[in-house]
């Protein structure tokens, strides 16, 4: 997937007023000249990235209090050589607030869905979806993909979850209700273990291309 460059975005942007038009023209001039705008070493001017973080219903906004300026402000910071300003803004949000896309949601969904569907089919369905989302949201998909594969094998409740479950149920000595009572706790434990494993081992375990 090819991401749109800042230059292309500015070329397509239509200013709202004369001041924006002048700012846009100056930015385009500097970008086209090849000037080093992505590092703060450029004393004449450099690019930064900011973000507005709002609640899903858009009734609340997350801001940071700056002791130096004694005021509240939106989140953001210097690019420090990174040309992907969206990634820069997301990095600044994580660094300034501690917010990060959680893996509990993905692991929990995959673990419990794997109770009623084929593990292989579930992994084959979820992995392309997560990879595509990672490309759009600019985050490394490795840890979540690692957790997805791990979670697809953690089905401890229903007979259809895994072949061992089916074999045990086939003996006729254990009811589905008994399997669910014991298996649901194993599922929750698997979610926690899977998140920890993906966090500490998932990054860099498969080389990115």
N, C-alpha and C. Protein backbone atom coordinates (compact mmCIF):
# COMPACT_ATOMS: atom_id res chain seq x y z
N UNK A 1 0.84 -1.18 0.00
CA UNK A 1 0.00 0.00 0.00
C UNK A 1 0.89 1.25 0.00
N UNK A 2 0.65 2.18 -0.92
CA UNK A 2 1.44 3.40 -1.00
C UNK A 2 0.74 4.52 -0.22
N UNK A 3 1.46 5.09 0.74
CA UNK A 3 0.89 6.16 1.54
C UNK A 3 1.09 7.50 0.84
N UNK A 4 0.10 8.36 0.94
CA UNK A 4 0.16 9.69 0.33
C UNK A 4 1.20 10.52 1.08
N UNK A 5 2.05 11.22 0.35
CA UNK A 5 3.09 12.02 0.97
C UNK A 5 2.53 13.36 1.42
N UNK A 6 3.26 14.03 2.29
CA UNK A 6 2.84 15.35 2.76
C UNK A 6 2.74 16.33 1.59
N UNK A 7 3.69 16.25 0.67
CA UNK A 7 3.65 17.13 -0.49
C UNK A 7 2.37 16.93 -1.29
N UNK A 8 1.98 15.68 -1.52
CA UNK A 8 0.76 15.38 -2.27
C UNK A 8 -0.48 15.88 -1.53
N UNK A 9 -0.48 15.74 -0.20
CA UNK A 9 -1.62 16.20 0.58
C UNK A 9 -1.75 17.72 0.50
N UNK A 10 -0.63 18.41 0.59
CA UNK A 10 -0.66 19.87 0.52
C UNK A 10 -1.07 20.36 -0.87
N UNK A 11 -0.62 19.65 -1.90
CA UNK A 11 -1.01 20.02 -3.26
C UNK A 11 -2.51 19.86 -3.47
N UNK A 12 -3.10 18.86 -2.82
CA UNK A 12 -4.54 18.61 -2.98
C UNK A 12 -5.39 19.47 -2.05
N UNK A 13 -4.76 20.05 -1.01
CA UNK A 13 -5.52 20.81 -0.01
C UNK A 13 -6.00 22.15 -0.58
N UNK A 14 -7.22 22.51 -0.26
CA UNK A 14 -7.79 23.78 -0.70
C UNK A 14 -7.93 24.70 0.53
N UNK A 15 -7.15 25.77 0.58
CA UNK A 15 -7.16 26.67 1.75
C UNK A 15 -8.52 27.31 1.98
N UNK A 16 -8.77 27.66 3.26
CA UNK A 16 -10.03 28.29 3.64
C UNK A 16 -9.96 29.80 3.54
N UNK A 17 -8.75 30.36 3.66
CA UNK A 17 -8.63 31.82 3.63
C UNK A 17 -7.27 32.22 3.06
N UNK A 18 -7.05 33.51 3.00
CA UNK A 18 -5.81 34.02 2.40
C UNK A 18 -4.58 33.62 3.21
N UNK A 19 -4.69 33.61 4.54
CA UNK A 19 -3.55 33.23 5.37
C UNK A 19 -3.15 31.79 5.12
N UNK A 20 -4.15 30.89 5.03
CA UNK A 20 -3.85 29.48 4.74
C UNK A 20 -3.22 29.34 3.36
N UNK A 21 -3.67 30.13 2.42
CA UNK A 21 -3.11 30.07 1.08
C UNK A 21 -1.64 30.45 1.09
N UNK A 22 -1.30 31.51 1.85
CA UNK A 22 0.11 31.93 1.94
C UNK A 22 0.95 30.88 2.66
N UNK A 23 0.41 30.31 3.73
CA UNK A 23 1.15 29.26 4.47
C UNK A 23 1.35 28.03 3.60
N UNK A 24 0.32 27.66 2.85
CA UNK A 24 0.42 26.49 1.97
C UNK A 24 1.48 26.72 0.90
N UNK A 25 1.49 27.90 0.32
CA UNK A 25 2.46 28.21 -0.73
C UNK A 25 3.89 28.15 -0.19
N UNK A 26 4.10 28.66 1.02
CA UNK A 26 5.43 28.64 1.62
C UNK A 26 5.88 27.21 1.94
N UNK A 27 4.97 26.39 2.45
CA UNK A 27 5.30 25.00 2.75
C UNK A 27 5.63 24.23 1.47
N UNK A 28 4.84 24.44 0.44
CA UNK A 28 5.09 23.77 -0.83
C UNK A 28 6.46 24.18 -1.39
N UNK A 29 6.77 25.46 -1.28
CA UNK A 29 8.07 25.94 -1.78
C UNK A 29 9.22 25.25 -1.04
N UNK A 30 9.10 25.17 0.27
CA UNK A 30 10.16 24.57 1.07
C UNK A 30 10.27 23.06 0.81
N UNK A 31 9.13 22.39 0.71
CA UNK A 31 9.16 20.94 0.47
C UNK A 31 9.75 20.62 -0.90
N UNK A 32 9.39 21.38 -1.91
CA UNK A 32 9.89 21.13 -3.26
C UNK A 32 11.37 21.46 -3.40
N UNK A 33 11.86 22.35 -2.53
CA UNK A 33 13.28 22.73 -2.61
C UNK A 33 14.21 21.66 -2.03
N UNK A 34 13.63 20.68 -1.33
CA UNK A 34 14.46 19.64 -0.72
C UNK A 34 15.06 20.06 0.61
N UNK A 35 14.59 21.15 1.17
CA UNK A 35 15.10 21.63 2.45
C UNK A 35 14.82 20.60 3.56
N UNK A 36 15.75 20.48 4.50
CA UNK A 36 15.60 19.51 5.60
C UNK A 36 14.58 20.04 6.61
N UNK A 37 13.32 19.68 6.41
CA UNK A 37 12.25 20.21 7.24
C UNK A 37 11.80 19.24 8.33
N UNK A 38 12.33 18.02 8.32
CA UNK A 38 11.86 17.01 9.26
C UNK A 38 12.74 16.88 10.50
N UNK A 39 13.67 17.79 10.67
CA UNK A 39 14.54 17.75 11.84
C UNK A 39 14.61 19.12 12.48
N UNK A 40 14.68 19.14 13.79
CA UNK A 40 14.71 20.42 14.51
C UNK A 40 16.06 21.13 14.36
N UNK A 41 17.02 20.47 13.71
CA UNK A 41 18.32 21.12 13.45
C UNK A 41 18.17 22.30 12.50
N UNK A 42 17.09 22.32 11.74
CA UNK A 42 16.83 23.42 10.82
C UNK A 42 16.25 24.60 11.61
N UNK A 43 17.10 25.56 11.93
CA UNK A 43 16.67 26.69 12.76
C UNK A 43 15.69 27.61 12.03
N UNK A 44 15.72 27.60 10.71
CA UNK A 44 14.83 28.47 9.93
C UNK A 44 13.38 28.00 9.99
N UNK A 45 13.18 26.72 10.20
CA UNK A 45 11.83 26.19 10.26
C UNK A 45 11.83 24.69 10.07
N UNK A 46 10.98 23.99 10.81
CA UNK A 46 10.88 22.53 10.66
C UNK A 46 9.46 22.09 10.98
N UNK A 47 9.13 20.88 10.54
CA UNK A 47 7.78 20.35 10.69
C UNK A 47 7.60 19.62 12.02
N UNK A 48 6.43 19.78 12.60
CA UNK A 48 6.04 19.03 13.79
C UNK A 48 4.70 18.35 13.50
N UNK A 49 4.27 17.49 14.39
CA UNK A 49 3.00 16.79 14.20
C UNK A 49 2.19 16.86 15.48
N UNK A 50 0.90 17.14 15.36
CA UNK A 50 0.02 17.24 16.51
C UNK A 50 -1.22 16.38 16.30
N UNK A 51 -1.93 16.12 17.41
CA UNK A 51 -3.12 15.28 17.32
C UNK A 51 -4.17 15.75 18.31
N UNK A 52 -5.43 15.68 17.88
CA UNK A 52 -6.56 15.87 18.77
C UNK A 52 -7.10 14.48 19.10
N UNK A 53 -7.11 14.13 20.37
CA UNK A 53 -7.62 12.82 20.80
C UNK A 53 -8.98 13.05 21.45
N UNK A 54 -10.02 12.50 20.84
CA UNK A 54 -11.39 12.72 21.34
C UNK A 54 -12.04 11.39 21.65
N UNK A 55 -13.06 11.42 22.50
CA UNK A 55 -13.81 10.22 22.84
C UNK A 55 -14.65 9.79 21.66
N UNK A 56 -15.09 8.52 21.61
CA UNK A 56 -15.89 8.04 20.47
C UNK A 56 -17.13 8.89 20.20
N UNK A 57 -17.75 9.42 21.27
CA UNK A 57 -18.95 10.23 21.04
C UNK A 57 -18.62 11.71 20.84
N UNK A 58 -17.31 12.03 20.85
CA UNK A 58 -16.81 13.38 20.59
C UNK A 58 -17.32 14.41 21.61
N UNK A 59 -17.49 13.98 22.84
CA UNK A 59 -17.91 14.90 23.90
C UNK A 59 -16.75 15.24 24.84
N UNK A 60 -15.62 14.53 24.71
CA UNK A 60 -14.47 14.76 25.57
C UNK A 60 -13.20 14.78 24.73
N UNK A 61 -12.23 15.56 25.19
CA UNK A 61 -10.96 15.64 24.48
C UNK A 61 -9.82 15.44 25.48
N UNK A 62 -8.77 14.76 25.05
CA UNK A 62 -7.62 14.50 25.90
C UNK A 62 -6.54 15.53 25.60
N UNK A 63 -6.09 16.23 26.65
CA UNK A 63 -5.05 17.25 26.48
C UNK A 63 -3.96 17.02 27.52
N UNK A 64 -2.85 17.71 27.35
CA UNK A 64 -1.72 17.58 28.26
C UNK A 64 -1.44 18.92 28.92
N UNK A 65 -1.10 18.86 30.22
CA UNK A 65 -0.78 20.09 30.93
C UNK A 65 0.73 20.31 30.90
N UNK A 66 1.16 21.45 30.37
CA UNK A 66 2.58 21.76 30.25
C UNK A 66 3.00 22.69 31.39
N UNK A 67 3.86 22.16 32.26
CA UNK A 67 4.33 22.96 33.40
C UNK A 67 5.11 24.19 32.93
N UNK A 68 5.86 24.03 31.84
CA UNK A 68 6.69 25.13 31.35
C UNK A 68 5.85 26.35 30.98
N UNK A 69 4.72 26.09 30.31
CA UNK A 69 3.86 27.19 29.86
C UNK A 69 2.67 27.44 30.78
N UNK A 70 2.53 26.57 31.80
CA UNK A 70 1.42 26.69 32.75
C UNK A 70 0.08 26.74 32.04
N UNK A 71 -0.12 25.80 31.11
CA UNK A 71 -1.37 25.78 30.35
C UNK A 71 -1.61 24.38 29.78
N UNK A 72 -2.87 24.14 29.38
CA UNK A 72 -3.25 22.90 28.73
C UNK A 72 -3.02 23.03 27.22
N UNK A 73 -2.69 21.91 26.59
CA UNK A 73 -2.42 21.96 25.16
C UNK A 73 -2.77 20.62 24.52
N UNK A 74 -2.92 20.63 23.20
CA UNK A 74 -3.11 19.38 22.47
C UNK A 74 -1.78 18.62 22.47
N UNK A 75 -1.79 17.43 21.93
CA UNK A 75 -0.63 16.54 21.98
C UNK A 75 0.16 16.63 20.68
N UNK A 76 1.47 16.51 20.77
CA UNK A 76 2.28 16.55 19.57
C UNK A 76 3.73 16.83 19.88
N UNK A 77 4.55 16.85 18.81
CA UNK A 77 5.97 17.11 19.02
C UNK A 77 6.74 17.09 17.72
N UNK A 78 8.06 17.05 17.83
CA UNK A 78 8.96 17.12 16.69
C UNK A 78 9.00 15.79 15.92
N UNK A 79 9.24 15.91 14.61
CA UNK A 79 9.33 14.72 13.76
C UNK A 79 10.66 13.99 13.95
N UNK A 80 11.72 14.75 14.25
CA UNK A 80 13.05 14.16 14.47
C UNK A 80 13.47 13.23 13.33
N UNK A 81 13.25 13.68 12.12
CA UNK A 81 13.71 12.93 10.95
C UNK A 81 12.69 11.98 10.36
N UNK A 82 11.58 11.72 11.07
CA UNK A 82 10.54 10.81 10.57
C UNK A 82 9.64 11.57 9.60
N UNK A 83 9.56 11.11 8.35
CA UNK A 83 8.75 11.78 7.33
C UNK A 83 7.27 11.39 7.39
N UNK A 84 6.93 10.40 8.20
CA UNK A 84 5.53 9.98 8.35
C UNK A 84 4.95 10.76 9.53
N UNK A 85 4.32 11.89 9.25
CA UNK A 85 3.84 12.76 10.32
C UNK A 85 2.66 12.16 11.07
N UNK A 86 1.89 11.29 10.43
CA UNK A 86 0.81 10.60 11.14
C UNK A 86 1.40 9.68 12.20
N UNK A 87 2.44 8.94 11.82
CA UNK A 87 3.11 8.07 12.79
C UNK A 87 3.74 8.89 13.91
N UNK A 88 4.26 10.07 13.58
CA UNK A 88 4.85 10.95 14.59
C UNK A 88 3.79 11.38 15.60
N UNK A 89 2.64 11.79 15.11
CA UNK A 89 1.58 12.25 16.01
C UNK A 89 1.10 11.11 16.91
N UNK A 90 0.99 9.90 16.37
CA UNK A 90 0.57 8.76 17.18
C UNK A 90 1.63 8.42 18.22
N UNK A 91 2.90 8.52 17.83
CA UNK A 91 3.99 8.27 18.78
C UNK A 91 3.95 9.28 19.92
N UNK A 92 3.71 10.55 19.58
CA UNK A 92 3.65 11.58 20.60
C UNK A 92 2.49 11.36 21.56
N UNK A 93 1.36 10.90 21.04
CA UNK A 93 0.22 10.59 21.90
C UNK A 93 0.58 9.50 22.89
N UNK A 94 1.25 8.45 22.40
CA UNK A 94 1.66 7.36 23.30
C UNK A 94 2.64 7.85 24.35
N UNK A 95 3.62 8.65 23.92
CA UNK A 95 4.64 9.10 24.85
C UNK A 95 4.10 10.08 25.89
N UNK A 96 3.16 10.93 25.51
CA UNK A 96 2.67 11.97 26.40
C UNK A 96 1.51 11.52 27.28
N UNK A 97 0.80 10.47 26.87
CA UNK A 97 -0.38 10.05 27.64
C UNK A 97 -0.32 8.60 28.09
N UNK A 98 0.50 7.78 27.43
CA UNK A 98 0.54 6.37 27.76
C UNK A 98 -0.50 5.55 27.02
N UNK A 99 -1.34 6.21 26.20
CA UNK A 99 -2.36 5.49 25.44
C UNK A 99 -1.69 4.66 24.35
N UNK A 100 -2.18 3.45 24.17
CA UNK A 100 -1.67 2.58 23.12
C UNK A 100 -2.77 1.61 22.73
N UNK A 101 -2.79 1.23 21.46
CA UNK A 101 -3.78 0.25 21.02
C UNK A 101 -3.59 -1.04 21.82
N UNK A 102 -4.62 -1.46 22.51
CA UNK A 102 -4.50 -2.63 23.36
C UNK A 102 -4.67 -3.91 22.56
N UNK A 103 -4.01 -4.98 23.02
CA UNK A 103 -4.12 -6.28 22.37
C UNK A 103 -5.13 -7.18 23.06
N UNK A 104 -5.66 -6.73 24.22
CA UNK A 104 -6.63 -7.55 24.92
C UNK A 104 -7.87 -7.76 24.07
N UNK A 105 -8.34 -6.70 23.39
CA UNK A 105 -9.55 -6.81 22.59
C UNK A 105 -9.39 -7.85 21.50
N UNK A 106 -8.29 -7.77 20.74
CA UNK A 106 -8.08 -8.70 19.64
C UNK A 106 -7.93 -10.11 20.15
N UNK A 107 -7.14 -10.30 21.22
CA UNK A 107 -6.93 -11.65 21.73
C UNK A 107 -8.22 -12.24 22.26
N UNK A 108 -9.00 -11.41 22.98
CA UNK A 108 -10.24 -11.91 23.53
C UNK A 108 -11.22 -12.32 22.45
N UNK A 109 -11.34 -11.51 21.40
CA UNK A 109 -12.25 -11.84 20.30
C UNK A 109 -11.84 -13.15 19.64
N UNK A 110 -10.55 -13.25 19.29
CA UNK A 110 -10.09 -14.43 18.57
C UNK A 110 -10.20 -15.68 19.44
N UNK A 111 -9.84 -15.57 20.73
CA UNK A 111 -9.90 -16.73 21.61
C UNK A 111 -11.30 -17.28 21.72
N UNK A 112 -12.29 -16.41 21.91
CA UNK A 112 -13.65 -16.90 22.11
C UNK A 112 -14.34 -17.28 20.80
N UNK A 113 -14.01 -16.60 19.70
CA UNK A 113 -14.57 -17.00 18.41
C UNK A 113 -14.03 -18.36 18.00
N UNK A 114 -12.80 -18.68 18.40
CA UNK A 114 -12.21 -19.96 18.03
C UNK A 114 -12.94 -21.14 18.66
N UNK A 115 -13.83 -20.86 19.61
CA UNK A 115 -14.62 -21.93 20.21
C UNK A 115 -15.65 -22.50 19.25
N UNK A 116 -16.05 -21.70 18.27
CA UNK A 116 -17.16 -22.12 17.41
C UNK A 116 -16.78 -22.16 15.94
N UNK A 117 -15.49 -22.06 15.64
CA UNK A 117 -15.07 -22.12 14.24
C UNK A 117 -13.69 -22.75 14.14
N UNK A 118 -13.31 -23.08 12.94
CA UNK A 118 -12.00 -23.69 12.70
C UNK A 118 -10.88 -22.71 13.05
N UNK A 119 -9.88 -23.22 13.79
CA UNK A 119 -8.75 -22.37 14.16
C UNK A 119 -8.02 -21.85 12.93
N UNK A 120 -7.80 -22.73 11.96
CA UNK A 120 -7.08 -22.35 10.75
C UNK A 120 -7.86 -21.30 9.95
N UNK A 121 -9.17 -21.53 9.81
CA UNK A 121 -10.00 -20.59 9.06
C UNK A 121 -10.06 -19.23 9.77
N UNK A 122 -10.13 -19.25 11.10
CA UNK A 122 -10.20 -18.01 11.85
C UNK A 122 -8.90 -17.21 11.70
N UNK A 123 -7.76 -17.88 11.83
CA UNK A 123 -6.47 -17.20 11.67
C UNK A 123 -6.33 -16.65 10.25
N UNK A 124 -6.74 -17.45 9.26
CA UNK A 124 -6.63 -17.01 7.87
C UNK A 124 -7.54 -15.83 7.57
N UNK A 125 -8.64 -15.69 8.32
CA UNK A 125 -9.56 -14.58 8.12
C UNK A 125 -9.09 -13.32 8.84
N UNK A 126 -8.63 -13.48 10.08
CA UNK A 126 -8.28 -12.33 10.90
C UNK A 126 -6.96 -11.67 10.51
N UNK A 127 -5.98 -12.47 10.10
CA UNK A 127 -4.65 -11.90 9.86
C UNK A 127 -4.64 -10.86 8.73
N UNK A 128 -5.28 -11.10 7.58
CA UNK A 128 -5.30 -10.05 6.55
C UNK A 128 -6.05 -8.80 7.00
N UNK A 129 -7.09 -8.96 7.81
CA UNK A 129 -7.85 -7.81 8.30
C UNK A 129 -6.98 -6.94 9.20
N UNK A 130 -6.27 -7.58 10.13
CA UNK A 130 -5.40 -6.85 11.05
C UNK A 130 -4.24 -6.20 10.31
N UNK A 131 -3.68 -6.91 9.34
CA UNK A 131 -2.57 -6.35 8.57
C UNK A 131 -3.02 -5.12 7.78
N UNK A 132 -4.22 -5.18 7.21
CA UNK A 132 -4.74 -4.03 6.46
C UNK A 132 -5.00 -2.85 7.39
N UNK A 133 -5.54 -3.14 8.57
CA UNK A 133 -5.79 -2.07 9.54
C UNK A 133 -4.48 -1.43 9.98
N UNK A 134 -3.43 -2.23 10.14
CA UNK A 134 -2.13 -1.71 10.54
C UNK A 134 -1.59 -0.74 9.49
N UNK A 135 -1.78 -1.08 8.23
CA UNK A 135 -1.32 -0.20 7.16
C UNK A 135 -2.04 1.13 7.16
N UNK A 136 -3.34 1.10 7.46
CA UNK A 136 -4.12 2.34 7.46
C UNK A 136 -3.85 3.20 8.69
N UNK A 137 -3.62 2.55 9.84
CA UNK A 137 -3.45 3.27 11.09
C UNK A 137 -1.98 3.49 11.45
N UNK A 138 -1.08 3.00 10.63
CA UNK A 138 0.35 3.24 10.80
C UNK A 138 0.89 2.67 12.12
N UNK A 139 0.65 1.39 12.37
CA UNK A 139 1.30 0.76 13.51
C UNK A 139 1.85 -0.59 13.08
N UNK A 140 2.83 -1.06 13.83
CA UNK A 140 3.48 -2.33 13.52
C UNK A 140 2.52 -3.48 13.83
N UNK A 141 2.14 -4.30 12.83
CA UNK A 141 1.16 -5.35 13.08
C UNK A 141 1.73 -6.61 13.72
N UNK A 142 3.06 -6.72 13.80
CA UNK A 142 3.68 -7.96 14.27
C UNK A 142 3.14 -8.46 15.61
N UNK A 143 3.13 -7.64 16.68
CA UNK A 143 2.66 -8.17 17.96
C UNK A 143 1.22 -8.65 17.93
N UNK A 144 0.34 -7.92 17.23
CA UNK A 144 -1.06 -8.32 17.19
C UNK A 144 -1.26 -9.56 16.33
N UNK A 145 -0.51 -9.67 15.23
CA UNK A 145 -0.58 -10.88 14.41
C UNK A 145 -0.08 -12.08 15.20
N UNK A 146 0.98 -11.87 15.95
CA UNK A 146 1.52 -12.95 16.80
C UNK A 146 0.46 -13.39 17.81
N UNK A 147 -0.22 -12.42 18.44
CA UNK A 147 -1.26 -12.73 19.41
C UNK A 147 -2.45 -13.43 18.75
N UNK A 148 -2.76 -13.05 17.51
CA UNK A 148 -3.89 -13.65 16.80
C UNK A 148 -3.66 -15.13 16.55
N UNK A 149 -2.47 -15.45 16.07
CA UNK A 149 -2.14 -16.86 15.80
C UNK A 149 -2.16 -17.67 17.09
N UNK A 150 -1.59 -17.08 18.14
CA UNK A 150 -1.57 -17.75 19.44
C UNK A 150 -2.99 -17.97 19.95
N UNK A 151 -3.84 -16.93 19.82
CA UNK A 151 -5.19 -17.00 20.35
C UNK A 151 -6.06 -18.02 19.61
N UNK A 152 -5.80 -18.18 18.33
CA UNK A 152 -6.62 -19.11 17.53
C UNK A 152 -6.49 -20.55 18.01
N UNK A 153 -5.44 -20.83 18.75
CA UNK A 153 -5.23 -22.20 19.24
C UNK A 153 -5.69 -22.37 20.68
N UNK A 154 -6.22 -21.30 21.29
CA UNK A 154 -6.60 -21.35 22.70
C UNK A 154 -8.11 -21.48 22.85
N UNK A 155 -8.65 -22.62 22.48
CA UNK A 155 -10.08 -22.88 22.62
C UNK A 155 -10.25 -24.03 23.60
N UNK A 156 -10.71 -23.72 24.79
CA UNK A 156 -10.77 -24.75 25.84
C UNK A 156 -12.19 -25.06 26.30
N UNK A 157 -13.21 -24.48 25.64
CA UNK A 157 -14.58 -24.63 26.15
C UNK A 157 -15.42 -25.63 25.37
N UNK A 158 -15.53 -25.44 24.07
CA UNK A 158 -16.49 -26.20 23.28
C UNK A 158 -15.84 -27.38 22.56
N UNK A 159 -16.59 -28.42 22.28
CA UNK A 159 -16.02 -29.59 21.58
C UNK A 159 -15.44 -29.25 20.21
N UNK A 160 -16.05 -28.27 19.50
CA UNK A 160 -15.58 -27.94 18.16
C UNK A 160 -14.30 -27.11 18.20
N UNK A 161 -13.91 -26.63 19.39
CA UNK A 161 -12.77 -25.73 19.49
C UNK A 161 -11.47 -26.34 18.99
N UNK A 162 -11.14 -27.52 19.47
CA UNK A 162 -9.91 -28.21 19.06
C UNK A 162 -10.19 -29.71 19.00
N UNK A 163 -9.39 -30.47 18.25
CA UNK A 163 -9.57 -31.94 18.23
C UNK A 163 -9.51 -32.59 19.61
N UNK A 164 -8.59 -32.19 20.51
CA UNK A 164 -8.60 -32.80 21.85
C UNK A 164 -9.92 -32.58 22.59
N UNK A 165 -10.51 -31.39 22.41
CA UNK A 165 -11.82 -31.14 23.03
C UNK A 165 -12.86 -32.12 22.50
N UNK A 166 -12.85 -32.33 21.20
CA UNK A 166 -13.83 -33.24 20.58
C UNK A 166 -13.63 -34.68 21.05
N UNK A 167 -12.37 -35.06 21.21
CA UNK A 167 -12.07 -36.43 21.67
C UNK A 167 -12.59 -36.64 23.09
N UNK A 168 -12.33 -35.66 23.96
CA UNK A 168 -12.79 -35.76 25.34
C UNK A 168 -14.32 -35.81 25.40
N UNK A 169 -14.97 -34.95 24.63
CA UNK A 169 -16.43 -34.92 24.62
C UNK A 169 -16.98 -36.22 24.05
N UNK A 170 -16.26 -36.81 23.11
CA UNK A 170 -16.72 -38.04 22.47
C UNK A 170 -16.76 -39.24 23.39
N UNK A 171 -16.08 -39.16 24.53
CA UNK A 171 -16.10 -40.28 25.48
C UNK A 171 -17.44 -40.41 26.16
N UNK A 172 -18.23 -39.35 26.15
CA UNK A 172 -19.54 -39.39 26.78
C UNK A 172 -19.49 -39.20 28.29
N UNK A 173 -18.35 -39.01 28.84
CA UNK A 173 -18.21 -38.87 30.30
C UNK A 173 -18.26 -37.41 30.76
N UNK A 174 -18.11 -36.49 29.82
CA UNK A 174 -18.09 -35.07 30.18
C UNK A 174 -19.14 -34.33 29.36
N UNK A 175 -19.94 -33.53 30.05
CA UNK A 175 -20.97 -32.75 29.37
C UNK A 175 -20.40 -31.41 28.90
N UNK A 176 -21.09 -30.78 27.95
CA UNK A 176 -20.65 -29.48 27.44
C UNK A 176 -20.61 -28.45 28.57
N UNK A 177 -21.60 -28.51 29.46
CA UNK A 177 -21.63 -27.57 30.57
C UNK A 177 -20.39 -27.66 31.44
N UNK A 178 -19.92 -28.89 31.68
CA UNK A 178 -18.69 -29.07 32.46
C UNK A 178 -17.48 -28.50 31.73
N UNK A 179 -17.45 -28.69 30.40
CA UNK A 179 -16.33 -28.17 29.61
C UNK A 179 -16.31 -26.64 29.64
N UNK A 180 -17.50 -26.04 29.57
CA UNK A 180 -17.58 -24.58 29.57
C UNK A 180 -17.13 -24.02 30.92
N UNK A 181 -17.57 -24.64 32.01
CA UNK A 181 -17.20 -24.15 33.34
C UNK A 181 -15.69 -24.14 33.55
N UNK A 182 -15.05 -25.21 33.11
CA UNK A 182 -13.59 -25.28 33.28
C UNK A 182 -12.86 -24.49 32.20
N UNK A 183 -13.38 -24.54 30.98
CA UNK A 183 -12.68 -23.93 29.86
C UNK A 183 -12.70 -22.42 29.84
N UNK A 184 -13.76 -21.80 30.37
CA UNK A 184 -13.84 -20.34 30.31
C UNK A 184 -12.73 -19.69 31.11
N UNK A 185 -12.35 -20.30 32.24
CA UNK A 185 -11.24 -19.75 33.03
C UNK A 185 -9.91 -19.92 32.31
N UNK A 186 -9.77 -21.04 31.63
CA UNK A 186 -8.55 -21.25 30.83
C UNK A 186 -8.49 -20.23 29.69
N UNK A 187 -9.64 -19.90 29.12
CA UNK A 187 -9.67 -18.89 28.06
C UNK A 187 -9.18 -17.54 28.56
N UNK A 188 -9.68 -17.12 29.73
CA UNK A 188 -9.26 -15.83 30.28
C UNK A 188 -7.77 -15.83 30.61
N UNK A 189 -7.29 -16.95 31.16
CA UNK A 189 -5.86 -17.06 31.46
C UNK A 189 -5.04 -17.00 30.17
N UNK A 190 -5.55 -17.65 29.10
CA UNK A 190 -4.85 -17.65 27.81
C UNK A 190 -4.78 -16.25 27.22
N UNK A 191 -5.84 -15.45 27.42
CA UNK A 191 -5.83 -14.06 26.91
C UNK A 191 -4.70 -13.28 27.57
N UNK A 192 -4.59 -13.40 28.90
CA UNK A 192 -3.57 -12.66 29.64
C UNK A 192 -2.17 -13.12 29.24
N UNK A 193 -1.96 -14.44 29.20
CA UNK A 193 -0.65 -14.97 28.83
C UNK A 193 -0.31 -14.59 27.40
N UNK A 194 -1.29 -14.68 26.51
CA UNK A 194 -1.05 -14.36 25.11
C UNK A 194 -0.65 -12.91 24.91
N UNK A 195 -1.29 -11.99 25.67
CA UNK A 195 -0.93 -10.57 25.56
C UNK A 195 0.50 -10.35 26.02
N UNK A 196 0.87 -10.98 27.15
CA UNK A 196 2.24 -10.82 27.66
C UNK A 196 3.26 -11.40 26.69
N UNK A 197 2.96 -12.58 26.15
CA UNK A 197 3.88 -13.21 25.20
C UNK A 197 4.04 -12.37 23.94
N UNK A 198 2.91 -11.86 23.41
CA UNK A 198 2.98 -11.06 22.18
C UNK A 198 3.70 -9.74 22.42
N UNK A 199 3.55 -9.20 23.63
CA UNK A 199 4.20 -7.92 23.93
C UNK A 199 5.71 -8.07 24.02
N UNK A 200 6.17 -9.14 24.70
CA UNK A 200 7.60 -9.29 24.93
C UNK A 200 8.31 -10.06 23.80
N UNK A 201 7.58 -10.95 23.12
CA UNK A 201 8.22 -11.77 22.08
C UNK A 201 7.73 -11.45 20.68
N UNK A 202 6.58 -10.84 20.56
CA UNK A 202 5.99 -10.61 19.23
C UNK A 202 6.73 -9.59 18.40
N UNK A 203 7.35 -8.62 19.03
CA UNK A 203 8.04 -7.58 18.29
C UNK A 203 9.37 -8.11 17.74
N UNK A 204 9.49 -8.07 16.43
CA UNK A 204 10.73 -8.46 15.81
C UNK A 204 10.94 -9.95 15.64
N UNK A 205 9.95 -10.77 16.03
CA UNK A 205 10.15 -12.22 15.92
C UNK A 205 10.10 -12.66 14.46
N UNK A 206 9.34 -11.90 13.64
CA UNK A 206 9.29 -12.15 12.19
C UNK A 206 9.81 -10.91 11.50
N UNK A 207 10.87 -10.99 10.71
CA UNK A 207 11.43 -9.80 10.06
C UNK A 207 10.39 -9.13 9.18
N UNK A 208 10.31 -7.81 9.29
CA UNK A 208 9.39 -7.03 8.45
C UNK A 208 10.01 -6.83 7.08
N UNK A 209 9.18 -6.91 6.05
CA UNK A 209 9.67 -6.70 4.70
C UNK A 209 9.07 -5.44 4.12
